[in-house]
Amino acid sequence: MDRSTLRCCTALLAGVALLTLAACSGSPLTSAGTATTAATTAAPVYNAWTTPGGGGTYAARGAQAAALQPAPVAVATTPAPTLTPAAATTVWAQADAPTLPPPPDTSLPVMGAPTAAPTVTQPCPPEPCAPVTTTQLVTPERTYSGCWPPCNDGISQWHVRGVIGLSFSEGTDDFEDCNYWGVDVGRTFCGCWGLDLYYRYNTGRFSRDEGQGVFKDGGTWHHFGAKITFEKAFARSSRFYVWGGVGAGYFTTDDYVNDDSGFEIYGEAGVGYNVSENWRVRAGVNIHGMDTDVTRFSPVNDGDSRWLWIFAPVIQLEGSF
């Protein structure tokens, strides 16, 4: 072995010896020889694992061991969390911790702290709409009272009326009494006013002076026209009523020596009896007035007109529907 290698080995052994000595000197538990040396200067130290002893020895060893233990450290315990009710949020209470401020509104929970379920306040729903009621004027069903004419109960009806009677005339150069008949077609409305078309037919014989004697000149009249009518019952419980009408029309004549045609006025009036809802009987008079030159008494007046009035007492039978 060369000299350098020997030096390295010697240095290595010396290092190991120093480490061993340092380790033994730093331990509180020494060998028996070390304990004997320490006994001359301080209280004896016993090795807890190798030194037997009585109660005093173990008491001293226990006191020393207790002195060597670190001081106990107080550990703060955190109490169970409690929920503190609040107006808007729930605050987490914790010992030695500052109270968390409430959030600006209930919609934002505090970070790290449980919050109660937010109470959502909504306006009350609007009251349900009241059922829509539509006011509609409904005309009640009109019923016949069973006494006066139906038009007084607001019932409108169409009607056909047959007319029969006698006719005579008044005025200059009038004619004798003759036949008279006719027909009305129209409608009587609620309120008992109506509108009719009329046709009348009558005959008449005039007297004519021929210079050698007087003879009769006979012929026929035709009357066409329209009229407005009105009816009024005497009372609700009465079947009798009055009726009337005014109108105008056109007339023509046939078979006279001098025939004529032209404008006429018409009027009527009378009393009626309401038999039922659909049948009535009426009695009255029809009047026609016209300016005509038909059959003058004297031939010298032929062609000159005069006012002639025809009156016809009549009975009428009306059927309505």
C-alpha atoms as a PDB file:
ATOM      1  CA  MET A   1       0.000   0.000   0.000  1.00  0.00           C
ATOM      2  CA  ASP A   2       1.448   3.298  -0.978  1.00  0.00           C
ATOM      3  CA  ARG A   3       1.661   6.327   1.253  1.00  0.00           C
ATOM      4  CA  SER A   4      -1.183   8.339  -0.311  1.00  0.00           C
ATOM      5  CA  THR A   5      -3.650   5.515   0.043  1.00  0.00           C
ATOM      6  CA  LEU A   6      -2.660   5.113   3.691  1.00  0.00           C
ATOM      7  CA  ARG A   7      -3.283   8.745   4.284  1.00  0.00           C
ATOM      8  CA  CYS A   8      -6.779   8.572   2.850  1.00  0.00           C
ATOM      9  CA  CYS A   9      -7.738   5.582   4.952  1.00  0.00           C
ATOM     10  CA  THR A  10      -6.365   7.227   8.111  1.00  0.00           C
ATOM     11  CA  ALA A  11      -8.370  10.389   7.443  1.00  0.00           C
ATOM     12  CA  LEU A  12     -11.537   8.392   6.821  1.00  0.00           C
ATOM     13  CA  LEU A  13     -11.215   6.474  10.107  1.00  0.00           C
ATOM     14  CA  ALA A  14     -10.593   9.698  12.008  1.00  0.00           C
ATOM     15  CA  GLY A  15     -13.810  11.251  10.521  1.00  0.00           C
ATOM     16  CA  VAL A  16     -15.903   8.239  11.536  1.00  0.00           C
ATOM     17  CA  ALA A  17     -14.468   8.408  15.069  1.00  0.00           C
ATOM     18  CA  LEU A  18     -15.309  12.112  15.389  1.00  0.00           C
ATOM     19  CA  LEU A  19     -18.892  11.579  14.181  1.00  0.00           C
ATOM     20  CA  THR A  20     -19.341   8.727  16.683  1.00  0.00           C
ATOM     21  CA  LEU A  21     -18.023  10.861  19.558  1.00  0.00           C
ATOM     22  CA  ALA A  22     -20.248  13.788  18.639  1.00  0.00           C
ATOM     23  CA  ALA A  23     -23.300  11.559  18.498  1.00  0.00           C
ATOM     24  CA  CYS A  24     -22.636  10.064  21.912  1.00  0.00           C
ATOM     25  CA  SER A  25     -21.899  13.394  23.569  1.00  0.00           C
ATOM     26  CA  GLY A  26     -25.133  15.079  22.297  1.00  0.00           C
ATOM     27  CA  SER A  27     -27.532  12.380  23.656  1.00  0.00           C
ATOM     28  CA  PRO A  28     -29.183  12.972  27.085  1.00  0.00           C
ATOM     29  CA  LEU A  29     -28.721   9.288  27.820  1.00  0.00           C
ATOM     30  CA  THR A  30     -24.930   8.506  28.353  1.00  0.00           C
ATOM     31  CA  SER A  31     -23.007   5.424  29.326  1.00  0.00           C
ATOM     32  CA  ALA A  32     -22.252   4.425  32.968  1.00  0.00           C
ATOM     33  CA  GLY A  33     -18.859   6.125  32.973  1.00  0.00           C
ATOM     34  CA  THR A  34     -20.265   9.419  31.801  1.00  0.00           C
ATOM     35  CA  ALA A  35     -23.014   9.257  34.437  1.00  0.00           C
ATOM     36  CA  THR A  36     -20.354   8.795  37.177  1.00  0.00           C
ATOM     37  CA  THR A  37     -18.492  11.903  36.047  1.00  0.00           C
ATOM     38  CA  ALA A  38     -21.687  14.013  35.970  1.00  0.00           C
ATOM     39  CA  ALA A  39     -22.611  12.888  39.485  1.00  0.00           C
ATOM     40  CA  THR A  40     -19.733  14.856  40.952  1.00  0.00           C
ATOM     41  CA  THR A  41     -21.073  18.175  39.615  1.00  0.00           C
ATOM     42  CA  ALA A  42     -24.925  17.855  39.396  1.00  0.00           C
ATOM     43  CA  ALA A  43     -27.906  15.638  40.195  1.00  0.00           C
ATOM     44  CA  PRO A  44     -27.466  12.132  38.930  1.00  0.00           C
ATOM     45  CA  VAL A  45     -29.008  11.316  35.554  1.00  0.00           C
ATOM     46  CA  TYR A  46     -30.374   7.829  35.094  1.00  0.00           C
ATOM     47  CA  ASN A  47     -30.739   5.983  31.947  1.00  0.00           C
ATOM     48  CA  ALA A  48     -34.385   5.210  31.631  1.00  0.00           C
ATOM     49  CA  TRP A  49     -33.762   1.953  29.756  1.00  0.00           C
ATOM     50  CA  THR A  50     -30.725   0.463  31.701  1.00  0.00           C
ATOM     51  CA  THR A  51     -30.757   1.849  35.229  1.00  0.00           C
ATOM     52  CA  PRO A  52     -32.970   0.067  37.779  1.00  0.00           C
ATOM     53  CA  GLY A  53     -34.110   2.050  40.800  1.00  0.00           C
ATOM     54  CA  GLY A  54     -36.701   2.632  43.519  1.00  0.00           C
ATOM     55  CA  GLY A  55     -39.578   4.968  43.708  1.00  0.00           C
ATOM     56  CA  GLY A  56     -37.328   8.036  44.217  1.00  0.00           C
ATOM     57  CA  THR A  57     -35.155   7.214  41.283  1.00  0.00           C
ATOM     58  CA  TYR A  58     -38.117   6.702  38.932  1.00  0.00           C
ATOM     59  CA  ALA A  59     -39.840   9.781  40.373  1.00  0.00           C
ATOM     60  CA  ALA A  60     -36.820  11.890  39.540  1.00  0.00           C
ATOM     61  CA  ARG A  61     -36.639  10.283  36.146  1.00  0.00           C
ATOM     62  CA  GLY A  62     -40.389  10.955  35.625  1.00  0.00           C
ATOM     63  CA  ALA A  63     -40.039  14.603  36.678  1.00  0.00           C
ATOM     64  CA  GLN A  64     -37.092  15.017  34.380  1.00  0.00           C
ATOM     65  CA  ALA A  65     -38.995  13.392  31.545  1.00  0.00           C
ATOM     66  CA  ALA A  66     -41.923  15.670  32.177  1.00  0.00           C
ATOM     67  CA  ALA A  67     -39.601  18.659  32.156  1.00  0.00           C
ATOM     68  CA  LEU A  68     -38.208  17.551  28.868  1.00  0.00           C
ATOM     69  CA  GLN A  69     -41.721  17.308  27.233  1.00  0.00           C
ATOM     70  CA  PRO A  70     -42.938  20.417  25.312  1.00  0.00           C
ATOM     71  CA  ALA A  71     -45.573  22.600  26.964  1.00  0.00           C
ATOM     72  CA  PRO A  72     -49.175  21.748  25.996  1.00  0.00           C
ATOM     73  CA  VAL A  73     -50.669  23.952  23.361  1.00  0.00           C
ATOM     74  CA  ALA A  74     -54.318  25.021  23.726  1.00  0.00           C
ATOM     75  CA  VAL A  75     -56.281  24.134  20.631  1.00  0.00           C
ATOM     76  CA  ALA A  76     -59.236  26.372  19.986  1.00  0.00           C
ATOM     77  CA  THR A  77     -62.340  24.440  19.102  1.00  0.00           C
ATOM     78  CA  THR A  78     -64.817  25.873  16.755  1.00  0.00           C
ATOM     79  CA  PRO A  79     -68.417  25.563  17.956  1.00  0.00           C
ATOM     80  CA  ALA A  80     -71.031  24.127  15.717  1.00  0.00           C
ATOM     81  CA  PRO A  81     -72.289  26.714  13.291  1.00  0.00           C
ATOM     82  CA  THR A  82     -75.577  28.344  14.126  1.00  0.00           C
ATOM     83  CA  LEU A  83     -78.067  29.956  11.792  1.00  0.00           C
ATOM     84  CA  THR A  84     -79.029  33.456  12.728  1.00  0.00           C
ATOM     85  CA  PRO A  85     -82.348  34.579  11.054  1.00  0.00           C
ATOM     86  CA  ALA A  86     -82.241  37.922   9.383  1.00  0.00           C
ATOM     87  CA  ALA A  87     -84.713  40.025   7.358  1.00  0.00           C
ATOM     88  CA  ALA A  88     -83.156  39.378   3.972  1.00  0.00           C
ATOM     89  CA  THR A  89     -80.259  36.806   4.389  1.00  0.00           C
ATOM     90  CA  THR A  90     -78.907  34.107   6.763  1.00  0.00           C
ATOM     91  CA  VAL A  91     -75.504  34.946   8.379  1.00  0.00           C
ATOM     92  CA  TRP A  92     -73.044  32.144   9.293  1.00  0.00           C
ATOM     93  CA  ALA A  93     -71.977  32.694  12.932  1.00  0.00           C
ATOM     94  CA  GLN A  94     -68.429  31.593  13.714  1.00  0.00           C
ATOM     95  CA  ALA A  95     -66.298  32.147  16.823  1.00  0.00           C
ATOM     96  CA  ASP A  96     -63.582  34.742  16.503  1.00  0.00           C
ATOM     97  CA  ALA A  97     -64.797  35.648  13.040  1.00  0.00           C
ATOM     98  CA  PRO A  98     -66.276  39.006  11.983  1.00  0.00           C
ATOM     99  CA  THR A  99     -69.929  39.039  11.132  1.00  0.00           C
ATOM    100  CA  LEU A 100     -70.415  39.007   7.416  1.00  0.00           C
ATOM    101  CA  PRO A 101     -72.368  42.005   6.156  1.00  0.00           C
ATOM    102  CA  PRO A 102     -75.681  41.254   4.457  1.00  0.00           C
ATOM    103  CA  PRO A 103     -75.626  41.322   0.671  1.00  0.00           C
ATOM    104  CA  PRO A 104     -77.098  44.354  -1.055  1.00  0.00           C
ATOM    105  CA  ASP A 105     -80.116  42.262  -2.068  1.00  0.00           C
ATOM    106  CA  THR A 106     -81.441  38.785  -1.571  1.00  0.00           C
ATOM    107  CA  SER A 107     -80.518  37.734  -5.070  1.00  0.00           C
ATOM    108  CA  LEU A 108     -76.702  37.544  -4.257  1.00  0.00           C
ATOM    109  CA  PRO A 109     -75.662  34.978  -1.582  1.00  0.00           C
ATOM    110  CA  VAL A 110     -72.592  35.602   0.646  1.00  0.00           C
ATOM    111  CA  MET A 111     -69.557  33.662  -0.569  1.00  0.00           C
ATOM    112  CA  GLY A 112     -68.594  30.840   1.802  1.00  0.00           C
ATOM    113  CA  ALA A 113     -71.707  31.084   3.931  1.00  0.00           C
ATOM    114  CA  PRO A 114     -74.917  29.115   3.475  1.00  0.00           C
ATOM    115  CA  THR A 115     -77.974  31.164   2.770  1.00  0.00           C
ATOM    116  CA  ALA A 116     -81.568  30.387   3.318  1.00  0.00           C
ATOM    117  CA  ALA A 117     -83.719  29.849   0.305  1.00  0.00           C
ATOM    118  CA  PRO A 118     -84.518  33.336  -0.978  1.00  0.00           C
ATOM    119  CA  THR A 119     -88.064  34.478  -0.558  1.00  0.00           C
ATOM    120  CA  VAL A 120     -89.233  35.850  -3.874  1.00  0.00           C
ATOM    121  CA  THR A 121     -91.766  38.551  -3.420  1.00  0.00           C
ATOM    122  CA  GLN A 122     -94.020  39.093  -6.398  1.00  0.00           C
ATOM    123  CA  PRO A 123     -96.971  41.367  -6.790  1.00  0.00           C
ATOM    124  CA  CYS A 124    -100.286  39.709  -6.389  1.00  0.00           C
ATOM    125  CA  PRO A 125    -101.608  38.450  -9.693  1.00  0.00           C
ATOM    126  CA  PRO A 126    -104.302  40.632 -11.116  1.00  0.00           C
ATOM    127  CA  GLU A 127    -107.809  39.757 -10.261  1.00  0.00           C
ATOM    128  CA  PRO A 128    -109.362  37.570 -12.918  1.00  0.00           C
ATOM    129  CA  CYS A 129    -111.323  39.589 -15.357  1.00  0.00           C
ATOM    130  CA  ALA A 130    -114.981  39.704 -14.658  1.00  0.00           C
ATOM    131  CA  PRO A 131    -116.957  37.810 -17.253  1.00  0.00           C
ATOM    132  CA  VAL A 132    -117.687  40.035 -20.165  1.00  0.00           C
ATOM    133  CA  THR A 133    -121.333  40.781 -20.356  1.00  0.00           C
ATOM    134  CA  THR A 134    -122.711  42.190 -23.515  1.00  0.00           C
ATOM    135  CA  THR A 135    -125.865  44.146 -23.243  1.00  0.00           C
ATOM    136  CA  GLN A 136    -127.961  43.430 -26.255  1.00  0.00           C
ATOM    137  CA  LEU A 137    -131.407  44.706 -26.831  1.00  0.00           C
ATOM    138  CA  VAL A 138    -133.470  41.687 -27.619  1.00  0.00           C
ATOM    139  CA  THR A 139    -137.000  42.215 -28.791  1.00  0.00           C
ATOM    140  CA  PRO A 140    -139.179  39.837 -26.840  1.00  0.00           C
ATOM    141  CA  GLU A 141    -141.230  37.434 -28.855  1.00  0.00           C
ATOM    142  CA  ARG A 142    -144.473  39.133 -29.695  1.00  0.00           C
ATOM    143  CA  THR A 143    -147.583  37.209 -28.824  1.00  0.00           C
ATOM    144  CA  TYR A 144    -151.149  37.905 -29.680  1.00  0.00           C
ATOM    145  CA  SER A 145    -153.255  38.945 -26.691  1.00  0.00           C
ATOM    146  CA  GLY A 146    -156.367  37.382 -28.169  1.00  0.00           C
ATOM    147  CA  CYS A 147    -158.624  40.413 -28.215  1.00  0.00           C
ATOM    148  CA  TRP A 148    -157.762  43.586 -30.102  1.00  0.00           C
ATOM    149  CA  PRO A 149    -156.119  43.475 -33.563  1.00  0.00           C
ATOM    150  CA  PRO A 150    -152.635  41.929 -33.581  1.00  0.00           C
ATOM    151  CA  CYS A 151    -151.014  45.168 -34.736  1.00  0.00           C
ATOM    152  CA  ASN A 152    -151.713  46.571 -31.262  1.00  0.00           C
ATOM    153  CA  ASP A 153    -149.484  43.806 -29.864  1.00  0.00           C
ATOM    154  CA  GLY A 154    -146.696  44.793 -32.246  1.00  0.00           C
ATOM    155  CA  ILE A 155    -147.391  42.040 -34.780  1.00  0.00           C
ATOM    156  CA  SER A 156    -147.077  42.956 -38.465  1.00  0.00           C
ATOM    157  CA  GLN A 157    -149.195  41.089 -40.985  1.00  0.00           C
ATOM    158  CA  TRP A 158    -149.893  40.974 -44.669  1.00  0.00           C
ATOM    159  CA  HIS A 159    -153.556  41.159 -45.573  1.00  0.00           C
ATOM    160  CA  VAL A 160    -155.980  40.741 -48.455  1.00  0.00           C
ATOM    161  CA  ARG A 161    -159.264  42.523 -48.186  1.00  0.00           C
ATOM    162  CA  GLY A 162    -162.422  41.981 -50.227  1.00  0.00           C
ATOM    163  CA  VAL A 163    -164.774  44.928 -50.602  1.00  0.00           C
ATOM    164  CA  ILE A 164    -168.419  45.012 -51.694  1.00  0.00           C
ATOM    165  CA  GLY A 165    -171.092  47.691 -51.544  1.00  0.00           C
ATOM    166  CA  LEU A 166    -173.174  50.216 -53.449  1.00  0.00           C
ATOM    167  CA  SER A 167    -171.980  53.376 -55.132  1.00  0.00           C
ATOM    168  CA  PHE A 168    -173.690  56.721 -55.718  1.00  0.00           C
ATOM    169  CA  SER A 169    -172.325  60.094 -56.734  1.00  0.00           C
ATOM    170  CA  GLU A 170    -172.622  63.694 -55.667  1.00  0.00           C
ATOM    171  CA  GLY A 171    -171.929  66.739 -57.782  1.00  0.00           C
ATOM    172  CA  THR A 172    -173.124  68.311 -61.006  1.00  0.00           C
ATOM    173  CA  ASP A 173    -174.647  65.761 -63.386  1.00  0.00           C
ATOM    174  CA  ASP A 174    -174.287  62.828 -60.995  1.00  0.00           C
ATOM    175  CA  PHE A 175    -175.271  59.202 -61.612  1.00  0.00           C
ATOM    176  CA  GLU A 176    -177.709  56.831 -59.956  1.00  0.00           C
ATOM    177  CA  ASP A 177    -176.828  54.194 -57.342  1.00  0.00           C
ATOM    178  CA  CYS A 178    -175.024  51.220 -58.815  1.00  0.00           C
ATOM    179  CA  ASN A 179    -172.732  48.345 -57.938  1.00  0.00           C
ATOM    180  CA  TYR A 180    -169.398  48.775 -56.203  1.00  0.00           C
ATOM    181  CA  TRP A 181    -166.688  46.248 -55.319  1.00  0.00           C
ATOM    182  CA  GLY A 182    -162.934  45.991 -55.066  1.00  0.00           C
ATOM    183  CA  VAL A 183    -159.869  44.514 -53.328  1.00  0.00           C
ATOM    184  CA  ASP A 184    -157.012  45.721 -51.123  1.00  0.00           C
ATOM    185  CA  VAL A 185    -153.568  44.109 -50.858  1.00  0.00           C
ATOM    186  CA  GLY A 186    -151.098  45.434 -48.320  1.00  0.00           C
ATOM    187  CA  ARG A 187    -149.437  45.143 -44.939  1.00  0.00           C
ATOM    188  CA  THR A 188    -150.378  46.436 -41.533  1.00  0.00           C
ATOM    189  CA  PHE A 189    -147.269  47.067 -39.433  1.00  0.00           C
ATOM    190  CA  CYS A 190    -146.735  47.146 -35.698  1.00  0.00           C
ATOM    191  CA  GLY A 191    -148.258  50.354 -34.456  1.00  0.00           C
ATOM    192  CA  CYS A 192    -151.276  49.644 -36.686  1.00  0.00           C
ATOM    193  CA  TRP A 193    -150.364  51.795 -39.641  1.00  0.00           C
ATOM    194  CA  GLY A 194    -150.253  50.240 -43.062  1.00  0.00           C
ATOM    195  CA  LEU A 195    -149.727  50.607 -46.771  1.00  0.00           C
ATOM    196  CA  ASP A 196    -152.190  49.230 -49.363  1.00  0.00           C
ATOM    197  CA  LEU A 197    -152.694  49.012 -53.072  1.00  0.00           C
ATOM    198  CA  TYR A 198    -156.354  49.272 -53.986  1.00  0.00           C
ATOM    199  CA  TYR A 199    -158.560  48.501 -56.923  1.00  0.00           C
ATOM    200  CA  ARG A 200    -162.215  49.534 -57.160  1.00  0.00           C
ATOM    201  CA  TYR A 201    -164.877  48.892 -59.741  1.00  0.00           C
ATOM    202  CA  ASN A 202    -168.270  50.555 -59.970  1.00  0.00           C
ATOM    203  CA  THR A 203    -171.054  51.108 -62.454  1.00  0.00           C
ATOM    204  CA  GLY A 204    -173.193  54.182 -62.893  1.00  0.00           C
ATOM    205  CA  ARG A 205    -176.024  55.499 -65.093  1.00  0.00           C
ATOM    206  CA  PHE A 206    -176.220  59.163 -66.013  1.00  0.00           C
ATOM    207  CA  SER A 207    -179.273  60.989 -67.332  1.00  0.00           C
ATOM    208  CA  ARG A 208    -178.783  62.759 -70.679  1.00  0.00           C
ATOM    209  CA  ASP A 209    -180.992  65.187 -72.493  1.00  0.00           C
ATOM    210  CA  GLU A 210    -181.081  64.452 -76.222  1.00  0.00           C
ATOM    211  CA  GLY A 211    -183.633  67.163 -77.080  1.00  0.00           C
ATOM    212  CA  GLN A 212    -186.251  64.563 -77.909  1.00  0.00           C
ATOM    213  CA  GLY A 213    -186.282  63.121 -74.441  1.00  0.00           C
ATOM    214  CA  VAL A 214    -184.045  61.976 -71.582  1.00  0.00           C
ATOM    215  CA  PHE A 215    -182.390  58.630 -71.703  1.00  0.00           C
ATOM    216  CA  LYS A 216    -179.878  56.775 -69.514  1.00  0.00           C
ATOM    217  CA  ASP A 217    -176.197  56.619 -70.331  1.00  0.00           C
ATOM    218  CA  GLY A 218    -174.582  53.722 -68.422  1.00  0.00           C
ATOM    219  CA  GLY A 219    -171.004  52.580 -68.166  1.00  0.00           C
ATOM    220  CA  THR A 220    -168.235  51.348 -65.793  1.00  0.00           C
ATOM    221  CA  TRP A 221    -165.447  52.913 -63.675  1.00  0.00           C
ATOM    222  CA  HIS A 222    -162.058  51.484 -62.803  1.00  0.00           C
ATOM    223  CA  HIS A 223    -160.015  52.953 -59.922  1.00  0.00           C
ATOM    224  CA  PHE A 224    -156.360  52.100 -59.241  1.00  0.00           C
ATOM    225  CA  GLY A 225    -154.288  53.630 -56.485  1.00  0.00           C
ATOM    226  CA  ALA A 226    -152.344  53.432 -53.226  1.00  0.00           C
ATOM    227  CA  LYS A 227    -153.251  54.518 -49.736  1.00  0.00           C
ATOM    228  CA  ILE A 228    -151.832  54.849 -46.247  1.00  0.00           C
ATOM    229  CA  THR A 229    -154.020  53.327 -43.558  1.00  0.00           C
ATOM    230  CA  PHE A 230    -154.368  53.475 -39.799  1.00  0.00           C
ATOM    231  CA  GLU A 231    -156.250  51.452 -37.172  1.00  0.00           C
ATOM    232  CA  LYS A 232    -156.958  52.089 -33.508  1.00  0.00           C
ATOM    233  CA  ALA A 233    -158.695  49.803 -31.032  1.00  0.00           C
ATOM    234  CA  PHE A 234    -161.224  51.213 -28.573  1.00  0.00           C
ATOM    235  CA  ALA A 235    -159.533  49.385 -25.672  1.00  0.00           C
ATOM    236  CA  ARG A 236    -157.244  46.460 -25.036  1.00  0.00           C
ATOM    237  CA  SER A 237    -160.158  44.300 -24.003  1.00  0.00           C
ATOM    238  CA  SER A 238    -162.296  45.432 -26.955  1.00  0.00           C
ATOM    239  CA  ARG A 239    -162.492  43.701 -30.315  1.00  0.00           C
ATOM    240  CA  PHE A 240    -163.871  46.833 -31.999  1.00  0.00           C
ATOM    241  CA  TYR A 241    -161.599  49.327 -33.650  1.00  0.00           C
ATOM    242  CA  VAL A 242    -161.798  52.240 -36.060  1.00  0.00           C
ATOM    243  CA  TRP A 243    -159.972  52.357 -39.347  1.00  0.00           C
ATOM    244  CA  GLY A 244    -159.208  54.935 -42.023  1.00  0.00           C
ATOM    245  CA  GLY A 245    -156.973  55.725 -44.942  1.00  0.00           C
ATOM    246  CA  VAL A 246    -156.052  58.328 -47.533  1.00  0.00           C
ATOM    247  CA  GLY A 247    -154.486  57.951 -50.957  1.00  0.00           C
ATOM    248  CA  ALA A 248    -154.576  58.787 -54.605  1.00  0.00           C
ATOM    249  CA  GLY A 249    -154.918  56.985 -57.875  1.00  0.00           C
ATOM    250  CA  TYR A 250    -156.033  56.882 -61.441  1.00  0.00           C
ATOM    251  CA  PHE A 251    -159.477  56.267 -62.935  1.00  0.00           C
ATOM    252  CA  THR A 252    -160.850  55.310 -66.337  1.00  0.00           C
ATOM    253  CA  THR A 253    -164.382  54.838 -67.703  1.00  0.00           C
ATOM    254  CA  ASP A 254    -165.896  52.563 -70.331  1.00  0.00           C
ATOM    255  CA  ASP A 255    -169.129  52.510 -72.449  1.00  0.00           C
ATOM    256  CA  TYR A 256    -170.267  56.092 -71.835  1.00  0.00           C
ATOM    257  CA  VAL A 257    -171.129  58.553 -74.566  1.00  0.00           C
ATOM    258  CA  ASN A 258    -168.125  60.564 -73.452  1.00  0.00           C
ATOM    259  CA  ASP A 259    -165.529  58.460 -71.607  1.00  0.00           C
ATOM    260  CA  ASP A 260    -162.835  60.032 -69.473  1.00  0.00           C
ATOM    261  CA  SER A 261    -159.722  59.141 -67.426  1.00  0.00           C
ATOM    262  CA  GLY A 262    -157.448  60.963 -65.039  1.00  0.00           C
ATOM    263  CA  PHE A 263    -156.252  61.631 -61.518  1.00  0.00           C
ATOM    264  CA  GLU A 264    -158.364  60.934 -58.437  1.00  0.00           C
ATOM    265  CA  ILE A 265    -158.081  61.269 -54.675  1.00  0.00           C
ATOM    266  CA  TYR A 266    -159.236  58.551 -52.331  1.00  0.00           C
ATOM    267  CA  GLY A 267    -160.344  58.277 -48.718  1.00  0.00           C
ATOM    268  CA  GLU A 268    -161.941  55.681 -46.455  1.00  0.00           C
ATOM    269  CA  ALA A 269    -163.181  55.313 -42.871  1.00  0.00           C
ATOM    270  CA  GLY A 270    -165.178  52.863 -40.819  1.00  0.00           C
ATOM    271  CA  VAL A 271    -165.439  50.514 -37.853  1.00  0.00           C
ATOM    272  CA  GLY A 272    -164.010  47.010 -37.649  1.00  0.00           C
ATOM    273  CA  TYR A 273    -164.445  43.919 -35.537  1.00  0.00           C
ATOM    274  CA  ASN A 274    -161.523  41.639 -34.789  1.00  0.00           C
ATOM    275  CA  VAL A 275    -162.780  38.073 -35.132  1.00  0.00           C
ATOM    276  CA  SER A 276    -159.413  36.397 -34.509  1.00  0.00           C
ATOM    277  CA  GLU A 277    -155.742  36.897 -35.104  1.00  0.00           C
ATOM    278  CA  ASN A 278    -156.224  36.301 -38.827  1.00  0.00           C
ATOM    279  CA  TRP A 279    -159.737  37.467 -39.597  1.00  0.00           C
ATOM    280  CA  ARG A 280    -161.546  40.803 -39.335  1.00  0.00           C
ATOM    281  CA  VAL A 281    -164.822  42.282 -40.571  1.00  0.00           C
ATOM    282  CA  ARG A 282    -165.082  45.962 -41.405  1.00  0.00           C
ATOM    283  CA  ALA A 283    -167.890  48.333 -42.397  1.00  0.00           C
ATOM    284  CA  GLY A 284    -167.512  51.856 -43.649  1.00  0.00           C
ATOM    285  CA  VAL A 285    -167.426  54.070 -46.667  1.00  0.00           C
ATOM    286  CA  ASN A 286    -165.055  54.598 -49.610  1.00  0.00           C
ATOM    287  CA  ILE A 287    -164.813  57.988 -51.288  1.00  0.00           C
ATOM    288  CA  HIS A 288    -163.401  58.885 -54.703  1.00  0.00           C
ATOM    289  CA  GLY A 289    -163.121  62.419 -56.033  1.00  0.00           C
ATOM    290  CA  MET A 290    -162.221  63.380 -59.576  1.00  0.00           C
ATOM    291  CA  ASP A 291    -162.457  66.212 -62.052  1.00  0.00           C
ATOM    292  CA  THR A 292    -164.176  64.608 -65.066  1.00  0.00           C
ATOM    293  CA  ASP A 293    -166.307  65.479 -68.115  1.00  0.00           C
ATOM    294  CA  VAL A 294    -167.875  62.032 -68.496  1.00  0.00           C
ATOM    295  CA  THR A 295    -171.567  62.198 -69.687  1.00  0.00           C
ATOM    296  CA  ARG A 296    -172.855  65.695 -69.110  1.00  0.00           C
ATOM    297  CA  PHE A 297    -176.648  66.060 -68.911  1.00  0.00           C
ATOM    298  CA  SER A 298    -176.793  68.701 -71.654  1.00  0.00           C
ATOM    299  CA  PRO A 299    -174.905  68.058 -74.860  1.00  0.00           C
ATOM    300  CA  VAL A 300    -173.840  71.695 -74.884  1.00  0.00           C
ATOM    301  CA  ASN A 301    -171.617  70.938 -71.843  1.00  0.00           C
ATOM    302  CA  ASP A 302    -169.858  68.027 -73.439  1.00  0.00           C
ATOM    303  CA  GLY A 303    -166.140  68.405 -72.954  1.00  0.00           C
ATOM    304  CA  ASP A 304    -166.488  70.574 -69.839  1.00  0.00           C
ATOM    305  CA  SER A 305    -165.320  68.901 -66.656  1.00  0.00           C
ATOM    306  CA  ARG A 306    -166.784  69.179 -63.140  1.00  0.00           C
ATOM    307  CA  TRP A 307    -165.908  67.646 -59.756  1.00  0.00           C
ATOM    308  CA  LEU A 308    -167.708  64.386 -59.204  1.00  0.00           C
ATOM    309  CA  TRP A 309    -167.654  62.493 -55.893  1.00  0.00           C
ATOM    310  CA  ILE A 310    -168.365  58.793 -55.628  1.00  0.00           C
ATOM    311  CA  PHE A 311    -169.466  57.459 -52.232  1.00  0.00           C
ATOM    312  CA  ALA A 312    -169.662  53.741 -51.604  1.00  0.00           C
ATOM    313  CA  PRO A 313    -170.969  52.256 -48.338  1.00  0.00           C
ATOM    314  CA  VAL A 314    -169.074  48.945 -48.067  1.00  0.00           C
ATOM    315  CA  ILE A 315    -168.579  45.804 -46.072  1.00  0.00           C
ATOM    316  CA  GLN A 316    -165.076  44.339 -46.048  1.00  0.00           C
ATOM    317  CA  LEU A 317    -163.726  40.915 -45.101  1.00  0.00           C
ATOM    318  CA  GLU A 318    -160.025  40.842 -44.234  1.00  0.00           C
ATOM    319  CA  GLY A 319    -157.775  37.850 -44.022  1.00  0.00           C
ATOM    320  CA  SER A 320    -154.276  38.394 -42.651  1.00  0.00           C
ATOM    321  CA  PHE A 321    -151.132  36.285 -42.311  1.00  0.00           C
END
